[in-house]
N, C-alpha and C. Protein backbone atom coordinates (compact mmCIF):
# COMPACT_ATOMS: atom_id res chain seq x y z
N UNK A 1 48.45 183.73 -21.76
CA UNK A 1 48.40 182.35 -22.21
C UNK A 1 49.81 181.81 -22.48
N UNK A 2 50.66 182.64 -23.11
CA UNK A 2 52.01 182.19 -23.43
C UNK A 2 52.82 181.95 -22.16
N UNK A 3 52.57 182.76 -21.12
CA UNK A 3 53.30 182.58 -19.87
C UNK A 3 52.93 181.24 -19.23
N UNK A 4 51.63 180.86 -19.27
CA UNK A 4 51.20 179.58 -18.73
C UNK A 4 51.84 178.42 -19.48
N UNK A 5 51.90 178.53 -20.80
CA UNK A 5 52.52 177.48 -21.61
C UNK A 5 54.00 177.36 -21.29
N UNK A 6 54.67 178.49 -21.15
CA UNK A 6 56.09 178.48 -20.83
C UNK A 6 56.32 177.81 -19.48
N UNK A 7 55.49 178.18 -18.48
CA UNK A 7 55.64 177.60 -17.14
C UNK A 7 55.38 176.10 -17.20
N UNK A 8 54.37 175.67 -17.94
CA UNK A 8 54.07 174.24 -18.06
C UNK A 8 55.21 173.48 -18.72
N UNK A 9 55.72 174.03 -19.80
CA UNK A 9 56.82 173.38 -20.51
C UNK A 9 58.07 173.34 -19.64
N UNK A 10 58.34 174.43 -18.94
CA UNK A 10 59.51 174.48 -18.07
C UNK A 10 59.38 173.44 -16.95
N UNK A 11 58.18 173.33 -16.34
CA UNK A 11 57.98 172.34 -15.27
C UNK A 11 58.18 170.92 -15.80
N UNK A 12 57.66 170.65 -16.98
CA UNK A 12 57.86 169.34 -17.58
C UNK A 12 59.33 169.06 -17.84
N UNK A 13 60.06 170.05 -18.33
CA UNK A 13 61.48 169.90 -18.59
C UNK A 13 62.24 169.57 -17.30
N UNK A 14 61.96 170.34 -16.24
CA UNK A 14 62.62 170.10 -14.96
C UNK A 14 62.28 168.70 -14.44
N UNK A 15 61.03 168.32 -14.57
CA UNK A 15 60.60 167.00 -14.13
C UNK A 15 61.36 165.89 -14.86
N UNK A 16 61.44 165.97 -16.18
CA UNK A 16 62.11 164.91 -16.95
C UNK A 16 63.61 164.87 -16.68
N UNK A 17 64.23 166.02 -16.50
CA UNK A 17 65.66 166.03 -16.17
C UNK A 17 65.88 165.36 -14.81
N UNK A 18 65.07 165.74 -13.83
CA UNK A 18 65.19 165.15 -12.50
C UNK A 18 64.91 163.65 -12.55
N UNK A 19 63.86 163.25 -13.27
CA UNK A 19 63.52 161.83 -13.38
C UNK A 19 64.66 161.05 -14.02
N UNK A 20 65.28 161.61 -15.05
CA UNK A 20 66.39 160.94 -15.71
C UNK A 20 67.57 160.76 -14.77
N UNK A 21 67.87 161.79 -13.99
CA UNK A 21 69.03 161.73 -13.09
C UNK A 21 68.81 160.77 -11.92
N UNK A 22 67.56 160.59 -11.51
CA UNK A 22 67.31 159.73 -10.35
C UNK A 22 66.83 158.34 -10.72
N UNK A 23 66.58 158.07 -11.98
CA UNK A 23 66.02 156.78 -12.38
C UNK A 23 66.90 155.60 -11.99
N UNK A 24 68.19 155.72 -12.17
CA UNK A 24 69.09 154.60 -11.89
C UNK A 24 69.09 154.24 -10.42
N UNK A 25 69.12 155.23 -9.55
CA UNK A 25 69.18 154.94 -8.12
C UNK A 25 67.81 154.59 -7.56
N UNK A 26 66.74 154.99 -8.23
CA UNK A 26 65.40 154.76 -7.71
C UNK A 26 65.04 153.28 -7.68
N UNK A 27 65.64 152.48 -8.52
CA UNK A 27 65.29 151.07 -8.59
C UNK A 27 65.68 150.32 -7.33
N UNK A 28 66.74 150.71 -6.67
CA UNK A 28 67.25 149.96 -5.52
C UNK A 28 67.06 150.66 -4.19
N UNK A 29 66.41 151.81 -4.15
CA UNK A 29 66.37 152.54 -2.89
C UNK A 29 65.09 152.33 -2.10
N UNK A 30 64.16 151.52 -2.58
CA UNK A 30 62.92 151.28 -1.83
C UNK A 30 63.25 150.44 -0.60
N UNK A 31 62.81 150.91 0.54
CA UNK A 31 62.98 150.14 1.77
C UNK A 31 61.65 149.49 2.12
N UNK A 32 61.70 148.22 2.45
CA UNK A 32 60.48 147.49 2.74
C UNK A 32 59.96 147.82 4.13
N UNK A 33 58.68 147.54 4.32
CA UNK A 33 58.05 147.78 5.60
C UNK A 33 56.94 146.78 5.83
N UNK A 34 56.26 146.90 6.97
CA UNK A 34 55.17 145.99 7.28
C UNK A 34 54.12 145.95 6.17
N UNK A 35 53.64 144.74 5.90
CA UNK A 35 52.61 144.45 4.91
C UNK A 35 53.13 144.36 3.47
N UNK A 36 54.39 144.75 3.21
CA UNK A 36 54.96 144.51 1.88
C UNK A 36 55.10 143.00 1.71
N UNK A 37 55.03 142.54 0.46
CA UNK A 37 55.21 141.13 0.18
C UNK A 37 56.47 140.96 -0.66
N UNK A 38 57.36 140.07 -0.23
CA UNK A 38 58.60 139.83 -0.95
C UNK A 38 58.71 138.37 -1.35
N UNK A 39 59.46 138.13 -2.41
CA UNK A 39 59.74 136.78 -2.87
C UNK A 39 61.22 136.53 -2.65
N UNK A 40 61.54 135.43 -1.99
CA UNK A 40 62.93 135.09 -1.69
C UNK A 40 63.27 133.77 -2.37
N UNK A 41 64.35 133.78 -3.14
CA UNK A 41 64.82 132.59 -3.83
C UNK A 41 66.27 132.34 -3.45
N UNK A 42 66.57 131.09 -3.08
CA UNK A 42 67.95 130.68 -2.80
C UNK A 42 68.35 129.74 -3.92
N UNK A 43 69.35 130.15 -4.69
CA UNK A 43 69.77 129.38 -5.87
C UNK A 43 70.13 127.95 -5.47
N UNK A 44 69.66 127.01 -6.25
CA UNK A 44 69.92 125.59 -6.09
C UNK A 44 69.28 125.00 -4.83
N UNK A 45 68.34 125.74 -4.24
CA UNK A 45 67.59 125.26 -3.07
C UNK A 45 66.12 125.64 -3.24
N UNK A 46 65.42 124.99 -4.18
CA UNK A 46 64.02 125.35 -4.44
C UNK A 46 63.11 125.18 -3.23
N UNK A 47 63.50 124.33 -2.29
CA UNK A 47 62.71 124.14 -1.08
C UNK A 47 62.71 125.37 -0.18
N UNK A 48 63.63 126.29 -0.41
CA UNK A 48 63.69 127.52 0.39
C UNK A 48 63.02 128.71 -0.30
N UNK A 49 62.53 128.53 -1.51
CA UNK A 49 61.87 129.62 -2.22
C UNK A 49 60.55 129.93 -1.52
N UNK A 50 60.34 131.20 -1.22
CA UNK A 50 59.16 131.63 -0.47
C UNK A 50 58.64 132.97 -0.98
N UNK A 51 57.33 133.13 -0.90
CA UNK A 51 56.69 134.44 -1.04
C UNK A 51 56.18 134.77 0.35
N UNK A 52 56.69 135.85 0.94
CA UNK A 52 56.45 136.15 2.35
C UNK A 52 55.94 137.57 2.52
N UNK A 53 54.93 137.73 3.36
CA UNK A 53 54.45 139.07 3.73
C UNK A 53 55.16 139.48 5.02
N UNK A 54 55.69 140.69 5.04
CA UNK A 54 56.38 141.19 6.22
C UNK A 54 55.34 141.50 7.29
N UNK A 55 55.55 140.99 8.51
CA UNK A 55 54.55 141.19 9.56
C UNK A 55 54.59 142.61 10.11
N UNK A 56 53.66 142.91 11.00
CA UNK A 56 53.53 144.28 11.53
C UNK A 56 54.72 144.71 12.37
N UNK A 57 55.52 143.76 12.83
CA UNK A 57 56.74 144.08 13.58
C UNK A 57 57.93 144.29 12.64
N UNK A 58 57.71 144.12 11.32
CA UNK A 58 58.79 144.30 10.36
C UNK A 58 59.67 143.07 10.19
N UNK A 59 59.15 141.90 10.56
CA UNK A 59 59.94 140.67 10.52
C UNK A 59 59.34 139.66 9.54
N UNK A 60 60.19 138.74 9.10
CA UNK A 60 59.75 137.58 8.33
C UNK A 60 60.24 136.34 9.04
N UNK A 61 59.60 135.22 8.75
CA UNK A 61 60.07 133.94 9.26
C UNK A 61 60.56 133.15 8.06
N UNK A 62 61.81 132.70 8.13
CA UNK A 62 62.42 132.00 7.00
C UNK A 62 62.99 130.67 7.47
N UNK A 63 62.85 129.60 6.66
CA UNK A 63 63.36 128.29 7.07
C UNK A 63 64.85 128.34 7.46
N UNK A 64 65.20 127.55 8.41
CA UNK A 64 66.56 127.38 8.94
C UNK A 64 67.01 128.53 9.83
N UNK A 65 66.69 129.76 9.49
CA UNK A 65 67.24 130.90 10.25
C UNK A 65 66.21 131.56 11.15
N UNK A 66 64.94 131.21 11.03
CA UNK A 66 63.90 131.75 11.92
C UNK A 66 63.48 133.16 11.57
N UNK A 67 63.16 133.95 12.60
CA UNK A 67 62.69 135.32 12.39
C UNK A 67 63.85 136.25 12.07
N UNK A 68 63.60 137.11 11.07
CA UNK A 68 64.61 138.07 10.63
C UNK A 68 63.94 139.43 10.48
N UNK A 69 64.50 140.45 11.10
CA UNK A 69 63.95 141.81 10.96
C UNK A 69 64.43 142.38 9.63
N UNK A 70 63.47 142.73 8.75
CA UNK A 70 63.81 143.24 7.42
C UNK A 70 63.25 144.64 7.15
N UNK A 71 62.35 145.11 8.00
CA UNK A 71 61.78 146.45 7.79
C UNK A 71 62.89 147.49 7.82
N UNK A 72 62.84 148.41 6.88
CA UNK A 72 63.85 149.46 6.81
C UNK A 72 65.04 149.09 5.94
N UNK A 73 65.02 147.89 5.36
CA UNK A 73 66.12 147.44 4.49
C UNK A 73 65.68 147.45 3.03
N UNK A 74 66.63 147.61 2.13
CA UNK A 74 66.37 147.47 0.70
C UNK A 74 66.42 146.00 0.34
N UNK A 75 65.88 145.61 -0.82
CA UNK A 75 65.99 144.20 -1.23
C UNK A 75 67.43 143.69 -1.25
N UNK A 76 68.36 144.52 -1.67
CA UNK A 76 69.77 144.11 -1.70
C UNK A 76 70.29 143.87 -0.28
N UNK A 77 69.90 144.73 0.65
CA UNK A 77 70.31 144.54 2.05
C UNK A 77 69.72 143.26 2.63
N UNK A 78 68.48 142.96 2.27
CA UNK A 78 67.84 141.72 2.75
C UNK A 78 68.57 140.51 2.19
N UNK A 79 68.92 140.56 0.92
CA UNK A 79 69.68 139.45 0.30
C UNK A 79 70.96 139.19 1.09
N UNK A 80 71.71 140.25 1.36
CA UNK A 80 72.98 140.10 2.09
C UNK A 80 72.76 139.53 3.48
N UNK A 81 71.72 140.01 4.15
CA UNK A 81 71.45 139.56 5.52
C UNK A 81 71.09 138.07 5.54
N UNK A 82 70.22 137.64 4.63
CA UNK A 82 69.83 136.23 4.58
C UNK A 82 71.02 135.36 4.16
N UNK A 83 71.81 135.83 3.20
CA UNK A 83 73.01 135.08 2.78
C UNK A 83 73.94 134.87 3.98
N UNK A 84 74.14 135.94 4.74
CA UNK A 84 75.03 135.87 5.90
C UNK A 84 74.51 134.86 6.93
N UNK A 85 73.21 134.90 7.22
CA UNK A 85 72.63 133.99 8.21
C UNK A 85 72.64 132.54 7.73
N UNK A 86 72.36 132.32 6.45
CA UNK A 86 72.40 130.96 5.91
C UNK A 86 73.83 130.42 5.85
N UNK A 87 74.78 131.30 5.56
CA UNK A 87 76.19 130.90 5.43
C UNK A 87 76.79 130.50 6.78
N UNK A 88 76.25 131.02 7.87
CA UNK A 88 76.79 130.73 9.20
C UNK A 88 76.83 129.23 9.48
N UNK A 89 75.68 128.57 9.32
CA UNK A 89 75.60 127.17 9.76
C UNK A 89 74.96 126.22 8.75
N UNK A 90 74.42 126.73 7.64
CA UNK A 90 73.57 125.86 6.84
C UNK A 90 74.01 125.64 5.39
N UNK A 91 74.30 126.69 4.66
CA UNK A 91 74.58 126.57 3.23
C UNK A 91 75.90 127.28 2.93
N UNK A 92 76.77 126.63 2.18
CA UNK A 92 78.04 127.23 1.79
C UNK A 92 77.79 128.19 0.63
N UNK A 93 78.19 129.43 0.81
CA UNK A 93 78.07 130.47 -0.22
C UNK A 93 76.67 130.54 -0.86
N UNK A 94 75.63 130.80 -0.08
CA UNK A 94 74.28 130.87 -0.65
C UNK A 94 74.12 132.09 -1.55
N UNK A 95 73.35 131.93 -2.62
CA UNK A 95 73.04 133.02 -3.54
C UNK A 95 71.54 133.32 -3.40
N UNK A 96 71.23 134.45 -2.80
CA UNK A 96 69.84 134.81 -2.48
C UNK A 96 69.38 135.95 -3.36
N UNK A 97 68.15 135.84 -3.84
CA UNK A 97 67.52 136.91 -4.60
C UNK A 97 66.23 137.32 -3.90
N UNK A 98 66.04 138.61 -3.73
CA UNK A 98 64.82 139.14 -3.12
C UNK A 98 64.15 140.09 -4.11
N UNK A 99 62.87 139.86 -4.33
CA UNK A 99 62.08 140.70 -5.24
C UNK A 99 60.84 141.17 -4.48
N UNK A 100 60.51 142.44 -4.62
CA UNK A 100 59.30 142.95 -4.00
C UNK A 100 58.12 142.57 -4.89
N UNK A 101 57.18 141.83 -4.32
CA UNK A 101 56.00 141.38 -5.06
C UNK A 101 54.86 142.39 -4.98
N UNK A 102 54.65 142.97 -3.80
CA UNK A 102 53.61 144.00 -3.66
C UNK A 102 54.04 145.04 -2.64
N UNK A 103 53.74 146.27 -2.98
CA UNK A 103 54.08 147.42 -2.14
C UNK A 103 52.85 147.80 -1.33
N UNK A 104 52.91 147.62 -0.03
CA UNK A 104 51.75 147.95 0.80
C UNK A 104 52.08 148.86 1.97
N UNK A 105 53.37 149.00 2.29
CA UNK A 105 53.72 149.72 3.52
C UNK A 105 53.74 151.23 3.36
N UNK A 106 53.95 151.73 2.15
CA UNK A 106 54.05 153.17 1.95
C UNK A 106 53.03 153.61 0.91
N UNK A 107 52.12 154.44 1.34
CA UNK A 107 51.10 154.96 0.44
C UNK A 107 51.04 156.48 0.52
N UNK A 108 50.52 157.08 -0.51
CA UNK A 108 50.28 158.51 -0.51
C UNK A 108 48.85 158.73 -1.00
N UNK A 109 48.13 159.62 -0.33
CA UNK A 109 46.77 159.98 -0.76
C UNK A 109 46.85 161.29 -1.50
N UNK A 110 46.28 161.30 -2.69
CA UNK A 110 46.31 162.50 -3.52
C UNK A 110 44.87 162.93 -3.74
N UNK A 111 44.57 164.14 -3.27
CA UNK A 111 43.21 164.66 -3.37
C UNK A 111 43.26 166.04 -4.01
N UNK A 112 42.11 166.56 -4.30
CA UNK A 112 42.02 167.91 -4.85
C UNK A 112 41.77 167.88 -6.34
N UNK A 113 42.27 168.87 -7.02
CA UNK A 113 41.99 169.04 -8.44
C UNK A 113 42.97 168.25 -9.30
N UNK A 114 42.86 166.92 -9.18
CA UNK A 114 43.63 166.00 -10.01
C UNK A 114 42.65 165.11 -10.76
N UNK A 115 43.13 164.47 -11.82
CA UNK A 115 42.23 163.67 -12.65
C UNK A 115 41.72 162.41 -11.95
N UNK A 116 42.58 161.76 -11.16
CA UNK A 116 42.19 160.51 -10.50
C UNK A 116 42.60 160.54 -9.02
N UNK A 117 41.85 161.24 -8.16
CA UNK A 117 42.20 161.28 -6.75
C UNK A 117 42.14 159.88 -6.14
N UNK A 118 42.97 159.63 -5.15
CA UNK A 118 42.95 158.34 -4.48
C UNK A 118 44.23 158.05 -3.75
N UNK A 119 44.35 156.80 -3.31
CA UNK A 119 45.54 156.35 -2.59
C UNK A 119 46.43 155.56 -3.55
N UNK A 120 47.72 155.86 -3.55
CA UNK A 120 48.67 155.23 -4.46
C UNK A 120 49.86 154.69 -3.68
N UNK A 121 50.36 153.54 -4.11
CA UNK A 121 51.52 152.92 -3.47
C UNK A 121 52.78 153.68 -3.87
N UNK A 122 53.63 153.95 -2.90
CA UNK A 122 54.93 154.56 -3.17
C UNK A 122 55.92 153.42 -3.39
N UNK A 123 56.26 153.18 -4.63
CA UNK A 123 57.14 152.07 -4.95
C UNK A 123 58.61 152.47 -4.92
N UNK A 124 58.87 153.73 -4.71
CA UNK A 124 60.22 154.27 -4.62
C UNK A 124 60.12 155.69 -4.10
N UNK A 125 61.25 156.31 -3.85
CA UNK A 125 61.23 157.73 -3.50
C UNK A 125 60.70 158.50 -4.69
N UNK A 126 59.87 159.49 -4.44
CA UNK A 126 59.38 160.30 -5.55
C UNK A 126 59.10 161.71 -5.10
N UNK A 127 59.10 162.58 -6.08
CA UNK A 127 58.82 163.99 -5.84
C UNK A 127 57.31 164.20 -5.85
N UNK A 128 56.90 165.40 -5.46
CA UNK A 128 55.49 165.75 -5.50
C UNK A 128 54.97 165.69 -6.94
N UNK A 129 55.76 166.15 -7.88
CA UNK A 129 55.35 166.13 -9.28
C UNK A 129 55.14 164.68 -9.75
N UNK A 130 56.02 163.79 -9.36
CA UNK A 130 55.85 162.39 -9.73
C UNK A 130 54.59 161.81 -9.10
N UNK A 131 54.33 162.15 -7.85
CA UNK A 131 53.12 161.66 -7.18
C UNK A 131 51.87 162.22 -7.88
N UNK A 132 51.91 163.48 -8.27
CA UNK A 132 50.77 164.05 -8.99
C UNK A 132 50.55 163.35 -10.32
N UNK A 133 51.62 162.93 -10.96
CA UNK A 133 51.47 162.24 -12.24
C UNK A 133 50.83 160.86 -12.04
N UNK A 134 51.02 160.24 -10.87
CA UNK A 134 50.32 158.98 -10.58
C UNK A 134 48.81 159.19 -10.62
N UNK A 135 48.37 160.36 -10.18
CA UNK A 135 46.95 160.68 -10.14
C UNK A 135 46.46 161.28 -11.45
N UNK A 136 47.23 161.13 -12.51
CA UNK A 136 46.80 161.61 -13.82
C UNK A 136 47.09 163.07 -14.07
N UNK A 137 47.77 163.73 -13.14
CA UNK A 137 48.09 165.13 -13.33
C UNK A 137 46.99 166.05 -12.83
N UNK A 138 47.28 167.34 -12.88
CA UNK A 138 46.32 168.34 -12.43
C UNK A 138 45.24 168.56 -13.49
N UNK A 139 44.06 168.93 -13.02
CA UNK A 139 43.01 169.33 -13.95
C UNK A 139 43.41 170.64 -14.60
N UNK A 140 42.87 170.92 -15.76
CA UNK A 140 43.28 172.13 -16.50
C UNK A 140 42.98 173.41 -15.73
N UNK A 141 41.94 173.41 -14.88
CA UNK A 141 41.62 174.62 -14.14
C UNK A 141 42.34 174.72 -12.80
N UNK A 142 43.15 173.73 -12.47
CA UNK A 142 43.86 173.74 -11.19
C UNK A 142 45.06 174.68 -11.26
N UNK A 143 45.23 175.52 -10.23
CA UNK A 143 46.43 176.37 -10.21
C UNK A 143 47.65 175.52 -9.86
N UNK A 144 48.74 175.76 -10.53
CA UNK A 144 49.96 174.98 -10.27
C UNK A 144 51.09 175.91 -9.88
N UNK A 145 51.54 175.76 -8.66
CA UNK A 145 52.71 176.50 -8.19
C UNK A 145 53.65 175.48 -7.58
N UNK A 146 54.73 175.21 -8.26
CA UNK A 146 55.71 174.24 -7.78
C UNK A 146 57.02 174.94 -7.52
N UNK A 147 57.59 174.65 -6.38
CA UNK A 147 58.85 175.27 -6.02
C UNK A 147 59.76 174.19 -5.48
N UNK A 148 60.97 174.13 -5.98
CA UNK A 148 61.93 173.13 -5.51
C UNK A 148 62.74 173.76 -4.39
N UNK A 149 62.74 173.08 -3.26
CA UNK A 149 63.53 173.53 -2.12
C UNK A 149 64.68 172.57 -1.90
N UNK A 150 65.82 173.08 -1.49
CA UNK A 150 66.95 172.17 -1.23
C UNK A 150 66.62 171.25 -0.06
N UNK A 151 67.04 170.01 -0.18
CA UNK A 151 66.82 169.03 0.87
C UNK A 151 68.05 168.98 1.77
N UNK A 152 67.81 169.03 3.06
CA UNK A 152 68.92 168.99 4.01
C UNK A 152 69.59 167.63 3.98
N UNK A 153 70.89 167.59 4.08
CA UNK A 153 71.64 166.33 4.08
C UNK A 153 71.30 165.56 5.34
N UNK A 154 71.23 164.22 5.20
CA UNK A 154 70.92 163.37 6.36
C UNK A 154 72.17 163.04 7.14
């Protein structure tokens, strides 16, 4: 019994340390994809404010600049891209803000001996332990063997 408690506490400790170290970068690393919904605001141009769903080709249609491929970009990258396109011919020094309204392009299905099996939206990069926590964690009778493997550099 003590060994199980030690393993559980150790896993929780590793999880919280990892979560703490990655929390700052996790906010900006989500890349949008088809079916995600984003909100775009151009400062001092309320007529350009839009809530847009990314189409299946990964594109959006935006006033003045037309179709723009945004799939695979972070919200910050989308802001820069729209600013650049608007600055070309239409608005001097545009200030664009992009916010993700709904996450639909990346999902994970969690099944087995978890408290709440189902499909969950991946709102950022996450570990298996984080995904399991979305499902309420493992049931008390579920065996837990977690092993961290080094990730190859991209």
